[in-house]
């Protein structure tokens, strides 16, 4: 996201480059239609983590409190990366799935529309 400095000609060091996260990359994840989580979450994750581990081990700690989470049919889950439909390979690493530092992905879960269909 570009930033406009209030002082003309300002140039400062970028403080959130990948080398500053101890071997991890930042990954933004948004679960569409579930506004109980009002914005994407940002997670520091190792690039060699298998995508299946993200789904099985990380996401339950983030989204597991939502009653819809236990009902997700992962085979029907729809993913988006870079604004385009995307099908991650669960056996490949995050890096091998094309996820770079500060990538943003979206998850859609057809048939699950939040608490009482409210999108919350």
N, C-alpha and C. Protein backbone atom coordinates (compact mmCIF):
# COMPACT_ATOMS: atom_id res chain seq x y z
N UNK A 1 0.85 -1.17 0.00
CA UNK A 1 0.00 0.00 0.00
C UNK A 1 0.89 1.23 0.00
N UNK A 2 0.73 2.11 -0.97
CA UNK A 2 1.56 3.31 -0.99
C UNK A 2 1.17 4.27 0.13
N UNK A 3 2.16 4.97 0.59
CA UNK A 3 1.96 5.97 1.65
C UNK A 3 2.42 7.31 1.13
N UNK A 4 1.66 8.34 1.41
CA UNK A 4 2.03 9.69 1.01
C UNK A 4 2.58 10.39 2.24
N UNK A 5 3.84 10.78 2.17
CA UNK A 5 4.47 11.47 3.29
C UNK A 5 4.01 12.92 3.34
N UNK A 6 3.91 13.44 4.54
CA UNK A 6 3.53 14.84 4.71
C UNK A 6 4.69 15.77 4.39
N UNK A 7 5.90 15.26 4.44
CA UNK A 7 7.08 16.07 4.13
C UNK A 7 7.60 15.70 2.74
N UNK A 8 7.65 16.65 1.83
CA UNK A 8 8.13 16.34 0.48
C UNK A 8 9.53 15.74 0.50
N UNK A 9 9.74 14.69 -0.30
CA UNK A 9 11.03 14.07 -0.40
C UNK A 9 11.38 13.10 0.72
N UNK A 10 10.44 12.88 1.65
CA UNK A 10 10.73 11.97 2.76
C UNK A 10 10.95 10.55 2.24
N UNK A 11 11.98 9.91 2.74
CA UNK A 11 12.24 8.50 2.44
C UNK A 11 12.77 7.87 3.71
N UNK A 12 12.08 6.89 4.20
CA UNK A 12 12.51 6.22 5.42
C UNK A 12 12.72 4.74 5.15
N UNK A 13 13.39 4.06 6.06
CA UNK A 13 13.62 2.64 5.88
C UNK A 13 12.32 1.85 6.06
N UNK A 14 12.14 0.84 5.25
CA UNK A 14 10.98 -0.03 5.38
C UNK A 14 11.22 -0.93 6.59
N UNK A 15 10.26 -0.97 7.51
CA UNK A 15 10.46 -1.68 8.77
C UNK A 15 9.82 -3.06 8.82
N UNK A 16 9.11 -3.45 7.77
CA UNK A 16 8.44 -4.75 7.83
C UNK A 16 8.87 -5.69 6.71
N UNK A 17 10.14 -5.63 6.36
CA UNK A 17 10.67 -6.53 5.34
C UNK A 17 10.82 -7.94 5.93
N UNK A 18 10.84 -8.93 5.06
CA UNK A 18 10.86 -10.33 5.49
C UNK A 18 12.02 -10.66 6.41
N UNK A 19 13.17 -10.05 6.20
CA UNK A 19 14.34 -10.35 7.02
C UNK A 19 14.18 -9.96 8.48
N UNK A 20 13.16 -9.21 8.80
CA UNK A 20 12.95 -8.76 10.18
C UNK A 20 12.02 -9.68 10.98
N UNK A 21 11.64 -10.84 10.41
CA UNK A 21 10.66 -11.70 11.07
C UNK A 21 11.21 -13.09 11.40
N UNK A 22 12.52 -13.18 11.59
CA UNK A 22 13.12 -14.42 12.08
C UNK A 22 12.85 -15.65 11.23
N UNK A 23 12.88 -15.49 9.93
CA UNK A 23 12.64 -16.63 9.04
C UNK A 23 11.19 -16.84 8.67
N UNK A 24 10.31 -16.05 9.24
CA UNK A 24 8.89 -16.14 8.91
C UNK A 24 8.50 -15.11 7.86
N UNK A 25 7.35 -15.34 7.28
CA UNK A 25 6.74 -14.38 6.35
C UNK A 25 5.40 -13.98 6.93
N UNK A 26 5.00 -12.75 6.67
CA UNK A 26 3.66 -12.34 7.07
C UNK A 26 2.67 -12.83 6.02
N UNK A 27 1.56 -13.39 6.51
CA UNK A 27 0.50 -13.88 5.64
C UNK A 27 -0.81 -13.31 6.16
N UNK A 28 -1.54 -12.63 5.29
CA UNK A 28 -2.85 -12.07 5.64
C UNK A 28 -3.92 -13.06 5.18
N UNK A 29 -4.86 -13.38 6.09
CA UNK A 29 -5.93 -14.32 5.77
C UNK A 29 -7.27 -13.70 6.17
N UNK A 30 -8.22 -13.74 5.24
CA UNK A 30 -9.56 -13.23 5.51
C UNK A 30 -10.57 -14.34 5.25
N UNK A 31 -11.50 -14.53 6.19
CA UNK A 31 -12.58 -15.50 6.02
C UNK A 31 -13.82 -14.72 5.63
N UNK A 32 -14.13 -14.72 4.36
CA UNK A 32 -15.26 -13.94 3.85
C UNK A 32 -16.58 -14.39 4.45
N UNK A 33 -17.46 -13.43 4.67
CA UNK A 33 -18.80 -13.71 5.17
C UNK A 33 -18.86 -14.01 6.65
N UNK A 34 -17.82 -13.71 7.37
CA UNK A 34 -17.76 -13.98 8.81
C UNK A 34 -17.19 -12.75 9.52
N UNK A 35 -18.04 -11.75 9.65
CA UNK A 35 -17.60 -10.46 10.17
C UNK A 35 -17.37 -10.45 11.68
N UNK A 36 -17.52 -11.61 12.33
CA UNK A 36 -17.08 -11.72 13.71
C UNK A 36 -15.57 -11.39 13.74
N UNK A 37 -14.92 -11.62 12.60
CA UNK A 37 -13.52 -11.27 12.40
C UNK A 37 -13.53 -10.11 11.41
N UNK A 38 -13.42 -8.91 11.92
CA UNK A 38 -13.72 -7.71 11.14
C UNK A 38 -12.70 -7.38 10.06
N UNK A 39 -11.56 -8.03 10.08
CA UNK A 39 -10.54 -7.74 9.10
C UNK A 39 -9.66 -8.97 8.93
N UNK A 40 -8.83 -8.98 7.90
CA UNK A 40 -7.90 -10.11 7.77
C UNK A 40 -6.98 -10.19 8.99
N UNK A 41 -6.59 -11.41 9.32
CA UNK A 41 -5.58 -11.59 10.36
C UNK A 41 -4.22 -11.65 9.67
N UNK A 42 -3.22 -11.21 10.37
CA UNK A 42 -1.85 -11.24 9.84
C UNK A 42 -1.05 -12.18 10.72
N UNK A 43 -0.49 -13.21 10.10
CA UNK A 43 0.22 -14.23 10.85
C UNK A 43 1.67 -14.34 10.37
N UNK A 44 2.62 -14.46 11.30
CA UNK A 44 3.99 -14.77 10.90
C UNK A 44 4.10 -16.29 10.76
N UNK A 45 4.39 -16.77 9.56
CA UNK A 45 4.45 -18.21 9.31
C UNK A 45 5.73 -18.56 8.56
N UNK A 46 6.27 -19.76 8.81
CA UNK A 46 7.46 -20.16 8.07
C UNK A 46 7.10 -20.50 6.62
N UNK A 47 7.91 -20.08 5.66
CA UNK A 47 7.59 -20.33 4.27
C UNK A 47 7.57 -21.81 3.90
N UNK A 48 8.26 -22.65 4.69
CA UNK A 48 8.29 -24.08 4.39
C UNK A 48 7.15 -24.86 5.05
N UNK A 49 6.25 -24.17 5.77
CA UNK A 49 5.10 -24.84 6.39
C UNK A 49 4.19 -25.38 5.29
N UNK A 50 3.78 -26.65 5.39
CA UNK A 50 2.83 -27.16 4.41
C UNK A 50 1.48 -26.44 4.54
N UNK A 51 0.82 -26.23 3.42
CA UNK A 51 -0.47 -25.56 3.46
C UNK A 51 -1.44 -26.33 4.35
N UNK A 52 -1.36 -27.66 4.35
CA UNK A 52 -2.24 -28.47 5.21
C UNK A 52 -2.03 -28.13 6.68
N UNK A 53 -0.81 -27.84 7.09
CA UNK A 53 -0.55 -27.47 8.49
C UNK A 53 -1.18 -26.13 8.82
N UNK A 54 -1.19 -25.22 7.87
CA UNK A 54 -1.86 -23.94 8.10
C UNK A 54 -3.34 -24.19 8.39
N UNK A 55 -3.97 -25.02 7.57
CA UNK A 55 -5.40 -25.30 7.73
C UNK A 55 -5.67 -26.11 9.00
N UNK A 56 -4.87 -27.15 9.25
CA UNK A 56 -5.14 -28.07 10.35
C UNK A 56 -4.66 -27.60 11.71
N UNK A 57 -3.57 -26.82 11.74
CA UNK A 57 -2.95 -26.46 13.01
C UNK A 57 -3.02 -24.99 13.37
N UNK A 58 -3.04 -24.12 12.36
CA UNK A 58 -3.01 -22.68 12.63
C UNK A 58 -4.42 -22.08 12.62
N UNK A 59 -5.18 -22.34 11.57
CA UNK A 59 -6.50 -21.71 11.46
C UNK A 59 -7.46 -22.06 12.59
N UNK A 60 -7.43 -23.27 13.16
CA UNK A 60 -8.33 -23.53 14.29
C UNK A 60 -8.07 -22.58 15.48
N UNK A 61 -6.83 -22.20 15.70
CA UNK A 61 -6.52 -21.27 16.78
C UNK A 61 -6.96 -19.84 16.48
N UNK A 62 -7.14 -19.53 15.22
CA UNK A 62 -7.56 -18.20 14.81
C UNK A 62 -9.08 -18.11 14.72
N UNK A 63 -9.68 -19.06 14.01
CA UNK A 63 -11.11 -19.00 13.70
C UNK A 63 -11.95 -20.04 14.43
N UNK A 64 -11.33 -20.92 15.20
CA UNK A 64 -12.05 -22.04 15.82
C UNK A 64 -13.16 -21.67 16.77
N UNK A 65 -13.15 -20.46 17.32
CA UNK A 65 -14.22 -20.05 18.24
C UNK A 65 -15.54 -19.80 17.51
N UNK A 66 -15.48 -19.63 16.21
CA UNK A 66 -16.71 -19.37 15.45
C UNK A 66 -17.45 -20.69 15.25
N UNK A 67 -18.77 -20.71 15.48
CA UNK A 67 -19.52 -21.97 15.34
C UNK A 67 -19.48 -22.56 13.93
N UNK A 68 -19.27 -21.75 12.91
CA UNK A 68 -19.19 -22.29 11.54
C UNK A 68 -17.89 -23.04 11.28
N UNK A 69 -16.84 -22.74 12.02
CA UNK A 69 -15.53 -23.29 11.69
C UNK A 69 -15.53 -24.82 11.69
N UNK A 70 -16.15 -25.42 12.69
CA UNK A 70 -16.18 -26.89 12.78
C UNK A 70 -16.98 -27.52 11.65
N UNK A 71 -17.79 -26.74 10.98
CA UNK A 71 -18.66 -27.26 9.92
C UNK A 71 -18.07 -27.04 8.52
N UNK A 72 -16.87 -26.49 8.42
CA UNK A 72 -16.29 -26.23 7.10
C UNK A 72 -16.02 -27.54 6.36
N UNK A 73 -16.49 -27.60 5.14
CA UNK A 73 -16.15 -28.69 4.22
C UNK A 73 -14.94 -28.19 3.44
N UNK A 74 -13.76 -28.61 3.86
CA UNK A 74 -12.53 -28.10 3.26
C UNK A 74 -12.40 -28.47 1.79
N UNK A 75 -13.07 -29.55 1.38
CA UNK A 75 -13.00 -29.92 -0.03
C UNK A 75 -13.80 -28.95 -0.90
N UNK A 76 -14.74 -28.23 -0.29
CA UNK A 76 -15.55 -27.25 -1.03
C UNK A 76 -15.09 -25.82 -0.79
N UNK A 77 -14.08 -25.64 0.07
CA UNK A 77 -13.59 -24.29 0.38
C UNK A 77 -13.09 -23.63 -0.90
N UNK A 78 -13.35 -22.35 -1.01
CA UNK A 78 -12.89 -21.58 -2.16
C UNK A 78 -11.84 -20.59 -1.67
N UNK A 79 -10.72 -20.57 -2.35
CA UNK A 79 -9.59 -19.72 -1.98
C UNK A 79 -9.34 -18.69 -3.07
N UNK A 80 -8.82 -17.56 -2.65
CA UNK A 80 -8.44 -16.51 -3.58
C UNK A 80 -7.07 -15.99 -3.15
N UNK A 81 -6.21 -15.76 -4.11
CA UNK A 81 -4.88 -15.18 -3.85
C UNK A 81 -4.61 -14.17 -4.96
N UNK A 82 -4.20 -12.99 -4.57
CA UNK A 82 -3.93 -11.95 -5.57
C UNK A 82 -5.17 -11.55 -6.35
N UNK A 83 -6.32 -11.65 -5.72
CA UNK A 83 -7.57 -11.25 -6.37
C UNK A 83 -8.10 -12.24 -7.38
N UNK A 84 -7.49 -13.42 -7.43
CA UNK A 84 -7.89 -14.44 -8.41
C UNK A 84 -8.21 -15.75 -7.70
N UNK A 85 -9.15 -16.52 -8.24
CA UNK A 85 -9.39 -17.86 -7.68
C UNK A 85 -8.08 -18.64 -7.65
N UNK A 86 -7.92 -19.44 -6.61
CA UNK A 86 -6.64 -20.11 -6.38
C UNK A 86 -6.90 -21.43 -5.68
N UNK A 87 -6.25 -22.47 -6.10
CA UNK A 87 -6.39 -23.78 -5.47
C UNK A 87 -5.04 -24.18 -4.88
N UNK A 88 -4.87 -24.01 -3.56
CA UNK A 88 -3.60 -24.40 -2.95
C UNK A 88 -3.44 -25.92 -2.92
N UNK A 89 -2.21 -26.36 -2.98
CA UNK A 89 -1.89 -27.78 -2.85
C UNK A 89 -1.56 -28.03 -1.39
N UNK A 90 -2.39 -28.79 -0.66
CA UNK A 90 -2.17 -28.99 0.78
C UNK A 90 -0.82 -29.60 1.12
N UNK A 91 -0.26 -30.41 0.23
CA UNK A 91 1.01 -31.06 0.51
C UNK A 91 2.22 -30.21 0.24
N UNK A 92 2.05 -29.10 -0.44
CA UNK A 92 3.17 -28.22 -0.75
C UNK A 92 3.31 -27.14 0.31
N UNK A 93 4.50 -26.58 0.39
CA UNK A 93 4.76 -25.51 1.36
C UNK A 93 4.01 -24.23 0.94
N UNK A 94 3.94 -23.32 1.88
CA UNK A 94 3.33 -22.02 1.58
C UNK A 94 4.09 -21.36 0.43
N UNK A 95 5.43 -21.42 0.48
CA UNK A 95 6.25 -20.82 -0.58
C UNK A 95 5.98 -21.50 -1.92
N UNK A 96 5.92 -22.84 -1.92
CA UNK A 96 5.67 -23.56 -3.17
C UNK A 96 4.26 -23.35 -3.70
N UNK A 97 3.37 -22.88 -2.84
CA UNK A 97 2.02 -22.51 -3.27
C UNK A 97 1.97 -21.07 -3.77
N UNK A 98 3.13 -20.41 -3.82
CA UNK A 98 3.20 -19.06 -4.37
C UNK A 98 2.95 -17.95 -3.37
N UNK A 99 2.95 -18.28 -2.08
CA UNK A 99 2.71 -17.26 -1.06
C UNK A 99 4.02 -16.62 -0.64
N UNK A 100 4.15 -15.35 -0.92
CA UNK A 100 5.34 -14.59 -0.59
C UNK A 100 5.08 -13.75 0.67
N UNK A 101 6.08 -13.03 1.11
CA UNK A 101 5.94 -12.14 2.27
C UNK A 101 4.83 -11.12 2.01
N UNK A 102 3.90 -11.04 2.92
CA UNK A 102 2.75 -10.13 2.90
C UNK A 102 1.72 -10.50 1.83
N UNK A 103 1.68 -11.77 1.43
CA UNK A 103 0.60 -12.23 0.56
C UNK A 103 -0.71 -12.17 1.33
N UNK A 104 -1.78 -11.98 0.59
CA UNK A 104 -3.13 -11.96 1.17
C UNK A 104 -3.96 -13.03 0.49
N UNK A 105 -4.61 -13.87 1.31
CA UNK A 105 -5.49 -14.89 0.77
C UNK A 105 -6.87 -14.74 1.40
N UNK A 106 -7.88 -15.18 0.66
CA UNK A 106 -9.26 -15.13 1.14
C UNK A 106 -9.83 -16.53 1.12
N UNK A 107 -10.62 -16.82 2.11
CA UNK A 107 -11.30 -18.10 2.24
C UNK A 107 -12.80 -17.87 2.17
N UNK A 108 -13.46 -18.63 1.30
CA UNK A 108 -14.93 -18.61 1.24
C UNK A 108 -15.41 -20.02 1.55
N UNK A 109 -16.46 -20.11 2.33
CA UNK A 109 -17.00 -21.41 2.73
C UNK A 109 -18.48 -21.46 2.32
N UNK A 110 -18.75 -21.97 1.12
CA UNK A 110 -20.13 -22.01 0.62
C UNK A 110 -21.07 -22.71 1.61
N UNK A 111 -22.22 -22.08 1.81
CA UNK A 111 -23.23 -22.65 2.70
C UNK A 111 -23.08 -22.24 4.15
N UNK A 112 -21.98 -21.63 4.49
CA UNK A 112 -21.76 -21.15 5.86
C UNK A 112 -21.78 -19.63 5.81
N UNK A 113 -22.82 -19.05 6.37
CA UNK A 113 -23.04 -17.61 6.26
C UNK A 113 -23.04 -16.89 7.60
N UNK A 114 -22.23 -17.38 8.53
CA UNK A 114 -22.13 -16.72 9.82
C UNK A 114 -23.23 -17.13 10.76
N UNK A 115 -23.21 -16.57 11.94
CA UNK A 115 -24.15 -16.91 13.00
C UNK A 115 -25.57 -16.58 12.57
N UNK A 116 -26.41 -17.59 12.45
CA UNK A 116 -27.79 -17.40 12.04
C UNK A 116 -27.93 -16.78 10.67
N UNK A 117 -26.95 -16.97 9.79
CA UNK A 117 -27.00 -16.39 8.45
C UNK A 117 -26.72 -14.91 8.41
N UNK A 118 -26.21 -14.34 9.50
CA UNK A 118 -26.01 -12.90 9.62
C UNK A 118 -24.69 -12.39 9.05
N UNK A 119 -23.86 -13.28 8.57
CA UNK A 119 -22.51 -12.95 8.10
C UNK A 119 -21.61 -12.45 9.22
N UNK A 120 -21.98 -12.77 10.45
CA UNK A 120 -21.13 -12.40 11.58
C UNK A 120 -20.47 -13.63 12.15
